[in-house]
């Protein structure tokens, strides 16, 4: 069992501290390493709280490119081999489509939507 694990987490790159960031146009996403270190006797609740605190405190550095972080690590590209991505836009798209008016011929209509993404990470 590993007590020290690092994986990549894809973030939006849109910090809430910047006014109007949600209306800015552009691709701001980034992958940042997330390190989880456990120790004998630590409770799951304590571990999750520690991870959350680390993520919140590191949010201000979310703009720093992954390749630069890897360059500063002795593991280089071996620093992470798994990433976690949480995407919520398909739900928003589905909601937008469900309010479409059947009587509006000029409305944008989308159907048979499918998505597929491939990365060079194991998982």
PDB file of N, CA and C in Angstrom:
ATOM      1  N   UNK A   1       0.845  -1.186   0.000  1.00  0.00           N
ATOM      2  CA  UNK A   1       0.000   0.000   0.000  1.00  0.00           C
ATOM      3  C   UNK A   1       0.883   1.239   0.000  1.00  0.00           C
ATOM      4  N   UNK A   2       0.557   2.160  -0.881  1.00  0.00           N
ATOM      5  CA  UNK A   2       1.319   3.405  -0.977  1.00  0.00           C
ATOM      6  C   UNK A   2       0.786   4.420   0.018  1.00  0.00           C
ATOM      7  N   UNK A   3       1.690   5.144   0.676  1.00  0.00           N
ATOM      8  CA  UNK A   3       1.248   6.195   1.585  1.00  0.00           C
ATOM      9  C   UNK A   3       1.549   7.581   1.028  1.00  0.00           C
ATOM     10  N   UNK A   4       2.047   7.626  -0.205  1.00  0.00           N
ATOM     11  CA  UNK A   4       2.348   8.903  -0.854  1.00  0.00           C
ATOM     12  C   UNK A   4       2.025   8.748  -2.342  1.00  0.00           C
ATOM     13  N   UNK A   5       1.007   9.455  -2.809  1.00  0.00           N
ATOM     14  CA  UNK A   5       0.583   9.335  -4.205  1.00  0.00           C
ATOM     15  C   UNK A   5       0.409  10.714  -4.818  1.00  0.00           C
ATOM     16  N   UNK A   6       0.736  10.831  -6.095  1.00  0.00           N
ATOM     17  CA  UNK A   6       0.565  12.082  -6.831  1.00  0.00           C
ATOM     18  C   UNK A   6      -0.198  11.771  -8.105  1.00  0.00           C
ATOM     19  N   UNK A   7      -1.227  12.563  -8.366  1.00  0.00           N
ATOM     20  CA  UNK A   7      -1.955  12.444  -9.622  1.00  0.00           C
ATOM     21  C   UNK A   7      -2.217  13.839 -10.145  1.00  0.00           C
ATOM     22  N   UNK A   8      -2.552  13.932 -11.413  1.00  0.00           N
ATOM     23  CA  UNK A   8      -2.849  15.228 -12.010  1.00  0.00           C
ATOM     24  C   UNK A   8      -4.331  15.528 -11.912  1.00  0.00           C
ATOM     25  N   UNK A   9      -4.643  16.763 -11.627  1.00  0.00           N
ATOM     26  CA  UNK A   9      -6.034  17.211 -11.583  1.00  0.00           C
ATOM     27  C   UNK A   9      -6.185  18.358 -12.575  1.00  0.00           C
ATOM     28  N   UNK A  10      -7.117  18.214 -13.481  1.00  0.00           N
ATOM     29  CA  UNK A  10      -7.353  19.266 -14.466  1.00  0.00           C
ATOM     30  C   UNK A  10      -8.245  20.319 -13.831  1.00  0.00           C
ATOM     31  N   UNK A  11      -7.793  21.568 -13.892  1.00  0.00           N
ATOM     32  CA  UNK A  11      -8.545  22.674 -13.299  1.00  0.00           C
ATOM     33  C   UNK A  11      -8.993  23.641 -14.392  1.00  0.00           C
ATOM     34  N   UNK A  12      -9.983  24.438 -14.072  1.00  0.00           N
ATOM     35  CA  UNK A  12     -10.526  25.379 -15.063  1.00  0.00           C
ATOM     36  C   UNK A  12      -9.565  26.524 -15.346  1.00  0.00           C
ATOM     37  N   UNK A  13      -8.710  26.840 -14.396  1.00  0.00           N
ATOM     38  CA  UNK A  13      -7.791  27.965 -14.588  1.00  0.00           C
ATOM     39  C   UNK A  13      -8.497  29.302 -14.503  1.00  0.00           C
ATOM     40  N   UNK A  14      -9.649  29.318 -13.891  1.00  0.00           N
ATOM     41  CA  UNK A  14     -10.455  30.529 -13.743  1.00  0.00           C
ATOM     42  C   UNK A  14     -10.661  30.813 -12.257  1.00  0.00           C
ATOM     43  N   UNK A  15      -9.666  31.429 -11.611  1.00  0.00           N
ATOM     44  CA  UNK A  15      -9.780  31.670 -10.172  1.00  0.00           C
ATOM     45  C   UNK A  15     -10.895  32.659  -9.843  1.00  0.00           C
ATOM     46  N   UNK A  16     -11.659  32.330  -8.821  1.00  0.00           N
ATOM     47  CA  UNK A  16     -12.798  33.162  -8.437  1.00  0.00           C
ATOM     48  C   UNK A  16     -12.372  34.541  -7.944  1.00  0.00           C
ATOM     49  N   UNK A  17     -11.112  34.707  -7.596  1.00  0.00           N
ATOM     50  CA  UNK A  17     -10.627  36.001  -7.111  1.00  0.00           C
ATOM     51  C   UNK A  17     -10.600  37.072  -8.209  1.00  0.00           C
ATOM     52  N   UNK A  18     -10.650  36.652  -9.467  1.00  0.00           N
ATOM     53  CA  UNK A  18     -10.616  37.608 -10.581  1.00  0.00           C
ATOM     54  C   UNK A  18     -12.049  37.925 -10.988  1.00  0.00           C
ATOM     55  N   UNK A  19     -12.438  39.171 -10.794  1.00  0.00           N
ATOM     56  CA  UNK A  19     -13.795  39.587 -11.155  1.00  0.00           C
ATOM     57  C   UNK A  19     -14.049  39.379 -12.639  1.00  0.00           C
ATOM     58  N   UNK A  20     -15.193  38.765 -12.964  1.00  0.00           N
ATOM     59  CA  UNK A  20     -15.586  38.576 -14.350  1.00  0.00           C
ATOM     60  C   UNK A  20     -14.891  37.445 -15.066  1.00  0.00           C
ATOM     61  N   UNK A  21     -14.148  36.597 -14.342  1.00  0.00           N
ATOM     62  CA  UNK A  21     -13.378  35.533 -14.993  1.00  0.00           C
ATOM     63  C   UNK A  21     -14.269  34.567 -15.777  1.00  0.00           C
ATOM     64  N   UNK A  22     -15.490  34.340 -15.309  1.00  0.00           N
ATOM     65  CA  UNK A  22     -16.380  33.401 -15.994  1.00  0.00           C
ATOM     66  C   UNK A  22     -16.859  33.918 -17.345  1.00  0.00           C
ATOM     67  N   UNK A  23     -16.784  35.213 -17.564  1.00  0.00           N
ATOM     68  CA  UNK A  23     -17.229  35.753 -18.852  1.00  0.00           C
ATOM     69  C   UNK A  23     -16.064  36.016 -19.804  1.00  0.00           C
ATOM     70  N   UNK A  24     -14.843  35.736 -19.372  1.00  0.00           N
ATOM     71  CA  UNK A  24     -13.669  35.926 -20.232  1.00  0.00           C
ATOM     72  C   UNK A  24     -13.575  34.781 -21.238  1.00  0.00           C
ATOM     73  N   UNK A  25     -13.176  35.121 -22.452  1.00  0.00           N
ATOM     74  CA  UNK A  25     -13.055  34.135 -23.518  1.00  0.00           C
ATOM     75  C   UNK A  25     -11.628  33.608 -23.542  1.00  0.00           C
ATOM     76  N   UNK A  26     -11.496  32.306 -23.676  1.00  0.00           N
ATOM     77  CA  UNK A  26     -10.175  31.718 -23.784  1.00  0.00           C
ATOM     78  C   UNK A  26     -10.096  30.397 -23.060  1.00  0.00           C
ATOM     79  N   UNK A  27      -9.069  29.636 -23.385  1.00  0.00           N
ATOM     80  CA  UNK A  27      -8.838  28.343 -22.759  1.00  0.00           C
ATOM     81  C   UNK A  27      -7.820  28.539 -21.636  1.00  0.00           C
ATOM     82  N   UNK A  28      -8.275  28.365 -20.416  1.00  0.00           N
ATOM     83  CA  UNK A  28      -7.424  28.594 -19.252  1.00  0.00           C
ATOM     84  C   UNK A  28      -7.071  27.308 -18.517  1.00  0.00           C
ATOM     85  N   UNK A  29      -7.549  26.142 -18.994  1.00  0.00           N
ATOM     86  CA  UNK A  29      -7.363  24.915 -18.227  1.00  0.00           C
ATOM     87  C   UNK A  29      -5.886  24.592 -18.036  1.00  0.00           C
ATOM     88  N   UNK A  30      -5.639  23.865 -16.971  1.00  0.00           N
ATOM     89  CA  UNK A  30      -4.288  23.454 -16.644  1.00  0.00           C
ATOM     90  C   UNK A  30      -4.380  22.153 -15.863  1.00  0.00           C
ATOM     91  N   UNK A  31      -3.338  21.380 -15.877  1.00  0.00           N
ATOM     92  CA  UNK A  31      -3.253  20.181 -15.051  1.00  0.00           C
ATOM     93  C   UNK A  31      -2.237  20.463 -13.960  1.00  0.00           C
ATOM     94  N   UNK A  32      -2.665  20.257 -12.722  1.00  0.00           N
ATOM     95  CA  UNK A  32      -1.784  20.493 -11.584  1.00  0.00           C
ATOM     96  C   UNK A  32      -1.628  19.194 -10.796  1.00  0.00           C
ATOM     97  N   UNK A  33      -0.441  18.971 -10.238  1.00  0.00           N
ATOM     98  CA  UNK A  33      -0.256  17.766  -9.425  1.00  0.00           C
ATOM     99  C   UNK A  33      -0.979  17.898  -8.085  1.00  0.00           C
ATOM    100  N   UNK A  34      -1.587  16.810  -7.648  1.00  0.00           N
ATOM    101  CA  UNK A  34      -2.208  16.737  -6.331  1.00  0.00           C
ATOM    102  C   UNK A  34      -1.503  15.606  -5.593  1.00  0.00           C
ATOM    103  N   UNK A  35      -0.943  15.944  -4.445  1.00  0.00           N
ATOM    104  CA  UNK A  35      -0.206  14.943  -3.668  1.00  0.00           C
ATOM    105  C   UNK A  35      -1.034  14.550  -2.450  1.00  0.00           C
ATOM    106  N   UNK A  36      -1.168  13.263  -2.249  1.00  0.00           N
ATOM    107  CA  UNK A  36      -1.899  12.753  -1.089  1.00  0.00           C
ATOM    108  C   UNK A  36      -0.928  11.903  -0.281  1.00  0.00           C
ATOM    109  N   UNK A  37      -0.694  12.360   0.952  1.00  0.00           N
ATOM    110  CA  UNK A  37       0.213  11.655   1.847  1.00  0.00           C
ATOM    111  C   UNK A  37      -0.564  11.199   3.079  1.00  0.00           C
ATOM    112  N   UNK A  38      -0.541   9.933   3.323  1.00  0.00           N
ATOM    113  CA  UNK A  38      -1.204   9.421   4.514  1.00  0.00           C
ATOM    114  C   UNK A  38      -0.144   8.896   5.480  1.00  0.00           C
ATOM    115  N   UNK A  39      -0.574   8.678   6.680  1.00  0.00           N
ATOM    116  CA  UNK A  39       0.332   8.150   7.697  1.00  0.00           C
ATOM    117  C   UNK A  39      -0.445   7.151   8.539  1.00  0.00           C
ATOM    118  N   UNK A  40       0.273   6.302   9.198  1.00  0.00           N
ATOM    119  CA  UNK A  40      -0.363   5.292  10.041  1.00  0.00           C
ATOM    120  C   UNK A  40      -1.208   5.993  11.107  1.00  0.00           C
ATOM    121  N   UNK A  41      -2.449   5.546  11.226  1.00  0.00           N
ATOM    122  CA  UNK A  41      -3.331   6.097  12.249  1.00  0.00           C
ATOM    123  C   UNK A  41      -4.139   7.307  11.827  1.00  0.00           C
ATOM    124  N   UNK A  42      -3.887   7.866  10.644  1.00  0.00           N
ATOM    125  CA  UNK A  42      -4.653   9.037  10.190  1.00  0.00           C
ATOM    126  C   UNK A  42      -6.050   8.580   9.766  1.00  0.00           C
ATOM    127  N   UNK A  43      -7.041   9.357  10.158  1.00  0.00           N
ATOM    128  CA  UNK A  43      -8.415   9.007   9.775  1.00  0.00           C
ATOM    129  C   UNK A  43      -8.683   9.492   8.358  1.00  0.00           C
ATOM    130  N   UNK A  44      -9.659   8.868   7.723  1.00  0.00           N
ATOM    131  CA  UNK A  44     -10.034   9.275   6.374  1.00  0.00           C
ATOM    132  C   UNK A  44     -10.479  10.735   6.367  1.00  0.00           C
ATOM    133  N   UNK A  45     -11.253  11.110   7.350  1.00  0.00           N
ATOM    134  CA  UNK A  45     -11.742  12.491   7.460  1.00  0.00           C
ATOM    135  C   UNK A  45     -10.580  13.484   7.558  1.00  0.00           C
ATOM    136  N   UNK A  46      -9.580  13.167   8.361  1.00  0.00           N
ATOM    137  CA  UNK A  46      -8.405  14.046   8.489  1.00  0.00           C
ATOM    138  C   UNK A  46      -7.636  14.130   7.183  1.00  0.00           C
ATOM    139  N   UNK A  47      -7.509  12.999   6.493  1.00  0.00           N
ATOM    140  CA  UNK A  47      -6.805  12.967   5.216  1.00  0.00           C
ATOM    141  C   UNK A  47      -7.513  13.846   4.188  1.00  0.00           C
ATOM    142  N   UNK A  48      -8.830  13.712   4.085  1.00  0.00           N
ATOM    143  CA  UNK A  48      -9.601  14.497   3.122  1.00  0.00           C
ATOM    144  C   UNK A  48      -9.511  15.991   3.445  1.00  0.00           C
ATOM    145  N   UNK A  49      -9.576  16.343   4.719  1.00  0.00           N
ATOM    146  CA  UNK A  49      -9.445  17.754   5.115  1.00  0.00           C
ATOM    147  C   UNK A  49      -8.072  18.305   4.731  1.00  0.00           C
ATOM    148  N   UNK A  50      -7.035  17.525   4.957  1.00  0.00           N
ATOM    149  CA  UNK A  50      -5.678  17.961   4.609  1.00  0.00           C
ATOM    150  C   UNK A  50      -5.541  18.167   3.105  1.00  0.00           C
ATOM    151  N   UNK A  51      -6.083  17.251   2.312  1.00  0.00           N
ATOM    152  CA  UNK A  51      -6.034  17.379   0.854  1.00  0.00           C
ATOM    153  C   UNK A  51      -6.791  18.630   0.408  1.00  0.00           C
ATOM    154  N   UNK A  52      -7.967  18.859   0.990  1.00  0.00           N
ATOM    155  CA  UNK A  52      -8.745  20.045   0.638  1.00  0.00           C
ATOM    156  C   UNK A  52      -7.981  21.325   0.981  1.00  0.00           C
ATOM    157  N   UNK A  53      -7.369  21.379   2.144  1.00  0.00           N
ATOM    158  CA  UNK A  53      -6.581  22.555   2.535  1.00  0.00           C
ATOM    159  C   UNK A  53      -5.414  22.781   1.574  1.00  0.00           C
ATOM    160  N   UNK A  54      -4.737  21.702   1.189  1.00  0.00           N
ATOM    161  CA  UNK A  54      -3.626  21.818   0.236  1.00  0.00           C
ATOM    162  C   UNK A  54      -4.107  22.362  -1.107  1.00  0.00           C
ATOM    163  N   UNK A  55      -5.230  21.842  -1.584  1.00  0.00           N
ATOM    164  CA  UNK A  55      -5.762  22.281  -2.873  1.00  0.00           C
ATOM    165  C   UNK A  55      -6.159  23.755  -2.815  1.00  0.00           C
ATOM    166  N   UNK A  56      -6.839  24.154  -1.740  1.00  0.00           N
ATOM    167  CA  UNK A  56      -7.256  25.553  -1.612  1.00  0.00           C
ATOM    168  C   UNK A  56      -6.057  26.487  -1.497  1.00  0.00           C
ATOM    169  N   UNK A  57      -5.040  26.092  -0.752  1.00  0.00           N
ATOM    170  CA  UNK A  57      -3.875  26.960  -0.598  1.00  0.00           C
ATOM    171  C   UNK A  57      -3.037  27.030  -1.873  1.00  0.00           C
ATOM    172  N   UNK A  58      -3.110  26.013  -2.708  1.00  0.00           N
ATOM    173  CA  UNK A  58      -2.322  26.018  -3.944  1.00  0.00           C
ATOM    174  C   UNK A  58      -3.079  26.628  -5.118  1.00  0.00           C
ATOM    175  N   UNK A  59      -4.350  26.983  -4.928  1.00  0.00           N
ATOM    176  CA  UNK A  59      -5.164  27.519  -6.020  1.00  0.00           C
ATOM    177  C   UNK A  59      -4.532  28.746  -6.675  1.00  0.00           C
ATOM    178  N   UNK A  60      -3.834  29.546  -5.898  1.00  0.00           N
ATOM    179  CA  UNK A  60      -3.216  30.761  -6.434  1.00  0.00           C
ATOM    180  C   UNK A  60      -2.085  30.463  -7.421  1.00  0.00           C
ATOM    181  N   UNK A  61      -1.626  29.217  -7.465  1.00  0.00           N
ATOM    182  CA  UNK A  61      -0.542  28.836  -8.377  1.00  0.00           C
ATOM    183  C   UNK A  61      -1.044  27.999  -9.557  1.00  0.00           C
ATOM    184  N   UNK A  62      -2.356  27.941  -9.756  1.00  0.00           N
ATOM    185  CA  UNK A  62      -2.951  27.105 -10.789  1.00  0.00           C
ATOM    186  C   UNK A  62      -2.566  27.486 -12.202  1.00  0.00           C
ATOM    187  N   UNK A  63      -2.013  28.664 -12.393  1.00  0.00           N
ATOM    188  CA  UNK A  63      -1.599  29.117 -13.724  1.00  0.00           C
ATOM    189  C   UNK A  63      -0.247  28.537 -14.127  1.00  0.00           C
ATOM    190  N   UNK A  64       0.506  27.987 -13.173  1.00  0.00           N
ATOM    191  CA  UNK A  64       1.874  27.536 -13.443  1.00  0.00           C
ATOM    192  C   UNK A  64       1.833  26.277 -14.310  1.00  0.00           C
ATOM    193  N   UNK A  65       2.497  26.269 -15.458  1.00  0.00           N
ATOM    194  CA  UNK A  65       2.393  25.141 -16.404  1.00  0.00           C
ATOM    195  C   UNK A  65       2.918  23.822 -15.825  1.00  0.00           C
ATOM    196  N   UNK A  66       2.224  22.748 -16.137  1.00  0.00           N
ATOM    197  CA  UNK A  66       2.617  21.425 -15.656  1.00  0.00           C
ATOM    198  C   UNK A  66       4.048  21.079 -16.066  1.00  0.00           C
ATOM    199  N   UNK A  67       4.427  21.408 -17.288  1.00  0.00           N
ATOM    200  CA  UNK A  67       5.783  21.051 -17.738  1.00  0.00           C
ATOM    201  C   UNK A  67       6.852  21.737 -16.888  1.00  0.00           C
ATOM    202  N   UNK A  68       6.566  22.932 -16.385  1.00  0.00           N
ATOM    203  CA  UNK A  68       7.532  23.616 -15.510  1.00  0.00           C
ATOM    204  C   UNK A  68       7.615  22.925 -14.152  1.00  0.00           C
ATOM    205  N   UNK A  69       6.461  22.502 -13.642  1.00  0.00           N
ATOM    206  CA  UNK A  69       6.442  21.775 -12.369  1.00  0.00           C
ATOM    207  C   UNK A  69       7.218  20.475 -12.516  1.00  0.00           C
ATOM    208  N   UNK A  70       7.001  19.764 -13.626  1.00  0.00           N
ATOM    209  CA  UNK A  70       7.720  18.521 -13.874  1.00  0.00           C
ATOM    210  C   UNK A  70       9.221  18.763 -13.996  1.00  0.00           C
ATOM    211  N   UNK A  71       9.614  19.874 -14.613  1.00  0.00           N
ATOM    212  CA  UNK A  71      11.039  20.192 -14.742  1.00  0.00           C
ATOM    213  C   UNK A  71      11.713  20.378 -13.393  1.00  0.00           C
ATOM    214  N   UNK A  72      10.954  20.851 -12.392  1.00  0.00           N
ATOM    215  CA  UNK A  72      11.519  21.080 -11.055  1.00  0.00           C
ATOM    216  C   UNK A  72      11.462  19.832 -10.177  1.00  0.00           C
ATOM    217  N   UNK A  73      10.833  18.789 -10.647  1.00  0.00           N
ATOM    218  CA  UNK A  73      10.733  17.542  -9.896  1.00  0.00           C
ATOM    219  C   UNK A  73      11.825  16.582 -10.356  1.00  0.00           C
ATOM    220  N   UNK A  74      12.429  15.843  -9.435  1.00  0.00           N
ATOM    221  CA  UNK A  74      13.419  14.842  -9.868  1.00  0.00           C
ATOM    222  C   UNK A  74      12.781  13.725 -10.702  1.00  0.00           C
ATOM    223  N   UNK A  75      11.450  13.563 -10.624  1.00  0.00           N
ATOM    224  CA  UNK A  75      10.761  12.523 -11.384  1.00  0.00           C
ATOM    225  C   UNK A  75      10.429  12.954 -12.814  1.00  0.00           C
ATOM    226  N   UNK A  76      10.572  14.262 -13.097  1.00  0.00           N
ATOM    227  CA  UNK A  76      10.261  14.831 -14.423  1.00  0.00           C
ATOM    228  C   UNK A  76       8.869  14.392 -14.900  1.00  0.00           C
ATOM    229  N   UNK A  77       8.757  13.805 -16.107  1.00  0.00           N
ATOM    230  CA  UNK A  77       7.456  13.399 -16.631  1.00  0.00           C
ATOM    231  C   UNK A  77       6.866  12.205 -15.876  1.00  0.00           C
ATOM    232  N   UNK A  78       7.656  11.551 -15.041  1.00  0.00           N
ATOM    233  CA  UNK A  78       7.175  10.453 -14.211  1.00  0.00           C
ATOM    234  C   UNK A  78       6.456  10.920 -12.951  1.00  0.00           C
ATOM    235  N   UNK A  79       6.362  12.228 -12.772  1.00  0.00           N
ATOM    236  CA  UNK A  79       5.708  12.777 -11.575  1.00  0.00           C
ATOM    237  C   UNK A  79       4.265  12.306 -11.476  1.00  0.00           C
ATOM    238  N   UNK A  80       3.545  12.342 -12.599  1.00  0.00           N
ATOM    239  CA  UNK A  80       2.166  11.853 -12.605  1.00  0.00           C
ATOM    240  C   UNK A  80       1.962  10.928 -13.799  1.00  0.00           C
ATOM    241  N   UNK A  81       1.173   9.883 -13.594  1.00  0.00           N
ATOM    242  CA  UNK A  81       0.805   9.021 -14.721  1.00  0.00           C
ATOM    243  C   UNK A  81      -0.698   8.781 -14.752  1.00  0.00           C
ATOM    244  N   UNK A  82      -1.424   9.471 -13.871  1.00  0.00           N
ATOM    245  CA  UNK A  82      -2.884   9.403 -13.837  1.00  0.00           C
ATOM    246  C   UNK A  82      -3.423  10.819 -13.666  1.00  0.00           C
ATOM    247  N   UNK A  83      -4.534  11.111 -14.314  1.00  0.00           N
ATOM    248  CA  UNK A  83      -5.167  12.419 -14.129  1.00  0.00           C
ATOM    249  C   UNK A  83      -6.636  12.241 -13.795  1.00  0.00           C
ATOM    250  N   UNK A  84      -7.171  13.250 -13.134  1.00  0.00           N
ATOM    251  CA  UNK A  84      -8.587  13.272 -12.783  1.00  0.00           C
ATOM    252  C   UNK A  84      -9.196  14.510 -13.415  1.00  0.00           C
ATOM    253  N   UNK A  85     -10.283  14.316 -14.160  1.00  0.00           N
ATOM    254  CA  UNK A  85     -10.963  15.430 -14.816  1.00  0.00           C
ATOM    255  C   UNK A  85     -12.439  15.374 -14.447  1.00  0.00           C
ATOM    256  N   UNK A  86     -12.949  16.466 -13.941  1.00  0.00           N
ATOM    257  CA  UNK A  86     -14.380  16.565 -13.670  1.00  0.00           C
ATOM    258  C   UNK A  86     -14.935  17.623 -14.611  1.00  0.00           C
ATOM    259  N   UNK A  87     -15.815  17.213 -15.516  1.00  0.00           N
ATOM    260  CA  UNK A  87     -16.400  18.141 -16.483  1.00  0.00           C
ATOM    261  C   UNK A  87     -17.898  18.216 -16.248  1.00  0.00           C
ATOM    262  N   UNK A  88     -18.427  19.418 -16.152  1.00  0.00           N
ATOM    263  CA  UNK A  88     -19.858  19.545 -15.907  1.00  0.00           C
ATOM    264  C   UNK A  88     -20.598  20.219 -17.053  1.00  0.00           C
ATOM    265  N   UNK A  89     -19.936  20.557 -18.129  1.00  0.00           N
ATOM    266  CA  UNK A  89     -20.635  21.252 -19.207  1.00  0.00           C
ATOM    267  C   UNK A  89     -21.629  20.399 -19.982  1.00  0.00           C
ATOM    268  N   UNK A  90     -21.471  19.072 -20.107  1.00  0.00           N
ATOM    269  CA  UNK A  90     -22.519  18.327 -20.819  1.00  0.00           C
ATOM    270  C   UNK A  90     -23.881  18.440 -20.135  1.00  0.00           C
ATOM    271  N   UNK A  91     -23.907  18.498 -18.806  1.00  0.00           N
ATOM    272  CA  UNK A  91     -25.167  18.658 -18.086  1.00  0.00           C
ATOM    273  C   UNK A  91     -25.772  20.019 -18.419  1.00  0.00           C
ATOM    274  N   UNK A  92     -24.946  21.045 -18.422  1.00  0.00           N
ATOM    275  CA  UNK A  92     -25.437  22.378 -18.757  1.00  0.00           C
ATOM    276  C   UNK A  92     -25.947  22.415 -20.188  1.00  0.00           C
ATOM    277  N   UNK A  93     -25.269  21.751 -21.097  1.00  0.00           N
ATOM    278  CA  UNK A  93     -25.693  21.706 -22.491  1.00  0.00           C
ATOM    279  C   UNK A  93     -27.037  21.001 -22.606  1.00  0.00           C
ATOM    280  N   UNK A  94     -27.189  19.895 -21.881  1.00  0.00           N
ATOM    281  CA  UNK A  94     -28.453  19.166 -21.899  1.00  0.00           C
ATOM    282  C   UNK A  94     -29.588  20.046 -21.375  1.00  0.00           C
ATOM    283  N   UNK A  95     -29.326  20.796 -20.306  1.00  0.00           N
ATOM    284  CA  UNK A  95     -30.348  21.687 -19.755  1.00  0.00           C
ATOM    285  C   UNK A  95     -30.715  22.761 -20.774  1.00  0.00           C
ATOM    286  N   UNK A  96     -29.732  23.299 -21.466  1.00  0.00           N
ATOM    287  CA  UNK A  96     -29.995  24.341 -22.460  1.00  0.00           C
ATOM    288  C   UNK A  96     -30.836  23.796 -23.606  1.00  0.00           C
ATOM    289  N   UNK A  97     -30.570  22.564 -24.006  1.00  0.00           N
ATOM    290  CA  UNK A  97     -31.329  21.970 -25.101  1.00  0.00           C
ATOM    291  C   UNK A  97     -32.760  21.657 -24.689  1.00  0.00           C
ATOM    292  N   UNK A  98     -32.970  21.320 -23.418  1.00  0.00           N
ATOM    293  CA  UNK A  98     -34.307  20.935 -22.991  1.00  0.00           C
ATOM    294  C   UNK A  98     -35.256  22.120 -22.902  1.00  0.00           C
ATOM    295  N   UNK A  99     -34.735  23.356 -22.860  1.00  0.00           N
ATOM    296  CA  UNK A  99     -35.614  24.525 -22.824  1.00  0.00           C
ATOM    297  C   UNK A  99     -35.844  25.104 -24.216  1.00  0.00           C
ATOM    298  N   UNK A 100     -35.299  24.444 -25.208  1.00  0.00           N
ATOM    299  CA  UNK A 100     -35.451  24.903 -26.592  1.00  0.00           C
ATOM    300  C   UNK A 100     -36.933  24.948 -26.967  1.00  0.00           C
ATOM    301  N   UNK A 101     -37.330  25.992 -27.606  1.00  0.00           N
ATOM    302  CA  UNK A 101     -38.721  26.142 -28.018  1.00  0.00           C
ATOM    303  C   UNK A 101     -38.954  25.387 -29.324  1.00  0.00           C
ATOM    304  N   UNK A 102     -39.985  24.554 -29.334  1.00  0.00           N
ATOM    305  CA  UNK A 102     -40.291  23.789 -30.547  1.00  0.00           C
ATOM    306  C   UNK A 102     -40.834  24.680 -31.652  1.00  0.00           C
ATOM    307  N   UNK A 103     -41.335  25.857 -31.289  1.00  0.00           N
ATOM    308  CA  UNK A 103     -41.933  26.746 -32.274  1.00  0.00           C
ATOM    309  C   UNK A 103     -40.921  27.699 -32.910  1.00  0.00           C
ATOM    310  N   UNK A 104     -39.732  27.770 -32.376  1.00  0.00           N
ATOM    311  CA  UNK A 104     -38.736  28.722 -32.855  1.00  0.00           C
ATOM    312  C   UNK A 104     -37.860  28.063 -33.920  1.00  0.00           C
ATOM    313  N   UNK A 105     -38.140  28.341 -35.182  1.00  0.00           N
ATOM    314  CA  UNK A 105     -37.398  27.703 -36.276  1.00  0.00           C
ATOM    315  C   UNK A 105     -35.964  28.200 -36.362  1.00  0.00           C
ATOM    316  N   UNK A 106     -35.683  29.383 -35.819  1.00  0.00           N
ATOM    317  CA  UNK A 106     -34.331  29.925 -35.872  1.00  0.00           C
ATOM    318  C   UNK A 106     -33.454  29.476 -34.719  1.00  0.00           C
ATOM    319  N   UNK A 107     -33.990  28.643 -33.832  1.00  0.00           N
ATOM    320  CA  UNK A 107     -33.236  28.204 -32.659  1.00  0.00           C
ATOM    321  C   UNK A 107     -32.127  27.233 -33.057  1.00  0.00           C
ATOM    322  N   UNK A 108     -31.042  27.285 -32.326  1.00  0.00           N
ATOM    323  CA  UNK A 108     -29.950  26.338 -32.524  1.00  0.00           C
ATOM    324  C   UNK A 108     -30.412  24.981 -32.023  1.00  0.00           C
ATOM    325  N   UNK A 109     -30.272  23.965 -32.856  1.00  0.00           N
ATOM    326  CA  UNK A 109     -30.676  22.620 -32.477  1.00  0.00           C
ATOM    327  C   UNK A 109     -29.461  21.696 -32.583  1.00  0.00           C
ATOM    328  N   UNK A 110     -29.192  21.001 -31.498  1.00  0.00           N
ATOM    329  CA  UNK A 110     -28.096  20.043 -31.457  1.00  0.00           C
ATOM    330  C   UNK A 110     -28.670  18.682 -31.130  1.00  0.00           C
ATOM    331  N   UNK A 111     -28.155  17.643 -31.779  1.00  0.00           N
ATOM    332  CA  UNK A 111     -28.626  16.296 -31.480  1.00  0.00           C
ATOM    333  C   UNK A 111     -27.487  15.307 -31.652  1.00  0.00           C
ATOM    334  N   UNK A 112     -27.683  14.125 -31.107  1.00  0.00           N
ATOM    335  CA  UNK A 112     -26.697  13.040 -31.192  1.00  0.00           C
ATOM    336  C   UNK A 112     -25.300  13.516 -30.788  1.00  0.00           C
ATOM    337  N   UNK A 113     -25.226  14.112 -29.618  1.00  0.00           N
ATOM    338  CA  UNK A 113     -23.958  14.632 -29.110  1.00  0.00           C
ATOM    339  C   UNK A 113     -23.176  13.500 -28.464  1.00  0.00           C
ATOM    340  N   UNK A 114     -21.929  13.362 -28.844  1.00  0.00           N
ATOM    341  CA  UNK A 114     -21.058  12.397 -28.177  1.00  0.00           C
ATOM    342  C   UNK A 114     -19.694  13.040 -28.001  1.00  0.00           C
ATOM    343  N   UNK A 115     -18.978  12.581 -26.979  1.00  0.00           N
ATOM    344  CA  UNK A 115     -17.667  13.149 -26.688  1.00  0.00           C
ATOM    345  C   UNK A 115     -16.674  12.020 -26.459  1.00  0.00           C
ATOM    346  N   UNK A 116     -15.467  12.238 -26.880  1.00  0.00           N
ATOM    347  CA  UNK A 116     -14.409  11.275 -26.643  1.00  0.00           C
ATOM    348  C   UNK A 116     -13.106  12.043 -26.508  1.00  0.00           C
ATOM    349  N   UNK A 117     -12.359  11.714 -25.494  1.00  0.00           N
ATOM    350  CA  UNK A 117     -11.069  12.367 -25.293  1.00  0.00           C
ATOM    351  C   UNK A 117     -10.025  11.313 -25.038  1.00  0.00           C
ATOM    352  N   UNK A 118      -8.811  11.577 -25.472  1.00  0.00           N
ATOM    353  CA  UNK A 118      -7.718  10.639 -25.254  1.00  0.00           C
ATOM    354  C   UNK A 118      -6.531  11.411 -24.707  1.00  0.00           C
ATOM    355  N   UNK A 119      -5.873  10.835 -23.727  1.00  0.00           N
ATOM    356  CA  UNK A 119      -4.682  11.453 -23.159  1.00  0.00           C
ATOM    357  C   UNK A 119      -3.541  10.457 -23.228  1.00  0.00           C
ATOM    358  N   UNK A 120      -2.374  10.920 -22.867  1.00  0.00           N
ATOM    359  CA  UNK A 120      -1.224  10.022 -22.839  1.00  0.00           C
ATOM    360  C   UNK A 120      -0.972   9.483 -21.427  1.00  0.00           C
ATOM    361  N   UNK A 121      -1.984   9.609 -20.559  1.00  0.00           N
ATOM    362  CA  UNK A 121      -1.865   9.101 -19.195  1.00  0.00           C
ATOM    363  C   UNK A 121      -2.520   7.733 -19.095  1.00  0.00           C
ATOM    364  N   UNK A 122      -2.033   6.920 -18.143  1.00  0.00           N
ATOM    365  CA  UNK A 122      -2.537   5.549 -17.984  1.00  0.00           C
ATOM    366  C   UNK A 122      -4.012   5.518 -17.589  1.00  0.00           C
ATOM    367  N   UNK A 123      -4.421   6.460 -16.767  1.00  0.00           N
ATOM    368  CA  UNK A 123      -5.798   6.446 -16.269  1.00  0.00           C
ATOM    369  C   UNK A 123      -6.317   7.859 -16.202  1.00  0.00           C
TER     370      UNK A 123
END
